[in-house]
């Protein structure tokens, strides 16, 4: 899952590489995210089990939708797995220089995961205020 985050971070870095000393307005944030989304093709293989199936703009953030290539019942101890994924995502937001645009502009990042039958497995959010 860490590979997933690094891959996504590098893509975002290319589009959003800037070091703002102020936060953009909600509309500027939405426009920047939407411009990036338009450059993407879905689905995207993130790793051997995970597809990024869609990305959407939220009021001041971005919603990533993932689908796992397995059934919900095949996930052992999924709460711990997604706790670890959330922790890695927050660590990247707080400490990875490629995520500085998100952190500086107070972007809310929401992640939703579905199994191969489109059953929701988990949803979580991260935000720079948690750093």
Protein backbone atom coordinates (compact mmCIF):
# COMPACT_ATOMS: atom_id res chain seq x y z
CA UNK A 1 0.00 0.00 0.00
CA UNK A 2 2.95 2.29 0.56
CA UNK A 3 3.80 1.88 -3.15
CA UNK A 4 0.30 3.06 -3.93
CA UNK A 5 0.84 6.22 -1.93
CA UNK A 6 4.24 6.94 -3.45
CA UNK A 7 2.91 6.42 -6.97
CA UNK A 8 0.01 8.77 -6.31
CA UNK A 9 2.27 11.30 -4.64
CA UNK A 10 4.59 11.46 -7.61
CA UNK A 11 1.70 12.05 -9.99
CA UNK A 12 0.36 14.82 -7.82
CA UNK A 13 3.80 16.36 -7.47
CA UNK A 14 4.09 16.80 -11.21
CA UNK A 15 0.85 18.73 -11.36
CA UNK A 16 0.90 20.64 -8.12
CA UNK A 17 4.59 21.39 -7.63
CA UNK A 18 4.47 24.69 -5.87
CA UNK A 19 5.26 25.91 -2.40
CA UNK A 20 2.39 28.21 -1.49
CA UNK A 21 2.77 30.34 1.61
CA UNK A 22 -1.01 30.81 1.70
CA UNK A 23 -4.01 28.58 1.22
CA UNK A 24 -5.97 28.62 -1.99
CA UNK A 25 -9.70 29.30 -1.97
CA UNK A 26 -12.08 26.35 -2.06
CA UNK A 27 -12.82 27.02 -5.73
CA UNK A 28 -9.11 27.22 -6.62
CA UNK A 29 -8.53 23.92 -4.83
CA UNK A 30 -11.44 22.27 -6.65
CA UNK A 31 -10.24 23.60 -10.00
CA UNK A 32 -6.67 22.40 -9.45
CA UNK A 33 -7.83 18.93 -8.40
CA UNK A 34 -10.29 18.72 -11.29
CA UNK A 35 -7.56 19.70 -13.75
CA UNK A 36 -5.40 16.87 -12.41
CA UNK A 37 -8.28 14.36 -12.53
CA UNK A 38 -8.86 15.18 -16.21
CA UNK A 39 -5.33 13.94 -16.97
CA UNK A 40 -5.97 10.54 -15.40
CA UNK A 41 -7.29 7.31 -16.88
CA UNK A 42 -9.15 4.80 -14.76
CA UNK A 43 -8.80 2.13 -13.57
CA UNK A 44 -5.15 2.30 -12.54
CA UNK A 45 -3.32 -0.68 -11.08
CA UNK A 46 -1.77 0.46 -7.82
CA UNK A 47 -0.42 -2.93 -6.76
CA UNK A 48 -1.28 -6.60 -7.27
CA UNK A 49 -4.50 -6.29 -5.24
CA UNK A 50 -5.59 -2.68 -5.62
CA UNK A 51 -7.17 -0.69 -8.45
CA UNK A 52 -7.75 3.05 -8.30
CA UNK A 53 -11.17 3.09 -9.97
CA UNK A 54 -12.13 6.75 -9.68
CA UNK A 55 -11.15 10.10 -8.23
CA UNK A 56 -13.58 12.94 -7.49
CA UNK A 57 -13.45 16.48 -6.20
CA UNK A 58 -15.07 17.21 -2.84
CA UNK A 59 -15.86 20.60 -1.29
CA UNK A 60 -12.21 21.15 -0.32
CA UNK A 61 -10.52 17.96 -1.17
CA UNK A 62 -10.32 14.78 -3.13
CA UNK A 63 -12.02 11.40 -2.93
CA UNK A 64 -10.04 8.36 -4.03
CA UNK A 65 -12.06 5.22 -4.80
CA UNK A 66 -10.25 1.90 -4.78
CA UNK A 67 -11.37 -1.61 -5.58
CA UNK A 68 -9.61 -4.64 -4.17
CA UNK A 69 -9.23 -7.74 -6.31
CA UNK A 70 -10.70 -9.99 -3.64
CA UNK A 71 -13.90 -10.56 -1.72
CA UNK A 72 -14.63 -8.89 1.57
CA UNK A 73 -14.59 -12.24 3.40
CA UNK A 74 -11.08 -12.93 2.09
CA UNK A 75 -9.68 -10.04 4.13
CA UNK A 76 -8.21 -11.25 7.37
CA UNK A 77 -8.05 -8.66 10.13
CA UNK A 78 -9.07 -5.92 7.70
CA UNK A 79 -9.44 -3.32 10.47
CA UNK A 80 -5.76 -3.59 11.30
CA UNK A 81 -4.80 -3.54 7.61
CA UNK A 82 -6.73 -0.33 6.95
CA UNK A 83 -5.53 1.24 10.19
CA UNK A 84 -2.01 0.70 8.86
CA UNK A 85 -2.94 2.12 5.43
CA UNK A 86 -4.47 5.21 7.04
CA UNK A 87 -1.39 5.66 9.23
CA UNK A 88 0.90 5.40 6.17
CA UNK A 89 -1.24 7.89 4.25
CA UNK A 90 -1.15 10.38 7.13
CA UNK A 91 2.60 9.92 7.56
CA UNK A 92 3.09 10.67 3.86
CA UNK A 93 0.88 13.75 4.07
CA UNK A 94 2.77 15.05 7.08
CA UNK A 95 6.32 14.18 6.05
CA UNK A 96 6.59 13.66 2.30
CA UNK A 97 7.64 16.84 0.45
CA UNK A 98 5.58 15.76 -2.57
CA UNK A 99 2.45 16.13 -0.41
CA UNK A 100 3.23 19.70 0.62
CA UNK A 101 0.55 21.15 -1.69
CA UNK A 102 -2.13 19.15 0.14
CA UNK A 103 -0.79 20.09 3.54
CA UNK A 104 -0.32 23.80 2.81
CA UNK A 105 -3.73 24.15 1.22
CA UNK A 106 -5.57 22.22 3.93
CA UNK A 107 -6.86 19.58 1.54
CA UNK A 108 -9.07 16.83 2.94
CA UNK A 109 -8.20 13.47 1.40
CA UNK A 110 -10.90 10.79 1.56
CA UNK A 111 -10.29 7.15 0.70
CA UNK A 112 -12.95 4.54 0.04
CA UNK A 113 -12.27 0.88 -0.59
CA UNK A 114 -14.59 -1.68 -2.20
CA UNK A 115 -14.23 -5.40 -2.63
CA UNK A 116 -14.50 -7.09 -6.04
CA UNK A 117 -18.29 -7.34 -5.60
CA UNK A 118 -18.57 -3.55 -5.02
CA UNK A 119 -19.24 -3.92 -1.30
CA UNK A 120 -17.82 -1.05 0.71
CA UNK A 121 -15.02 -2.20 3.00
CA UNK A 122 -13.90 1.04 4.61
CA UNK A 123 -13.82 4.81 4.28
CA UNK A 124 -11.34 7.11 5.99
CA UNK A 125 -10.15 10.72 5.77
CA UNK A 126 -6.87 12.41 6.43
CA UNK A 127 -6.08 16.09 6.77
CA UNK A 128 -2.98 18.13 7.47
CA UNK A 129 -4.45 19.32 10.77
CA UNK A 130 -3.73 15.81 12.08
CA UNK A 131 0.02 16.21 11.51
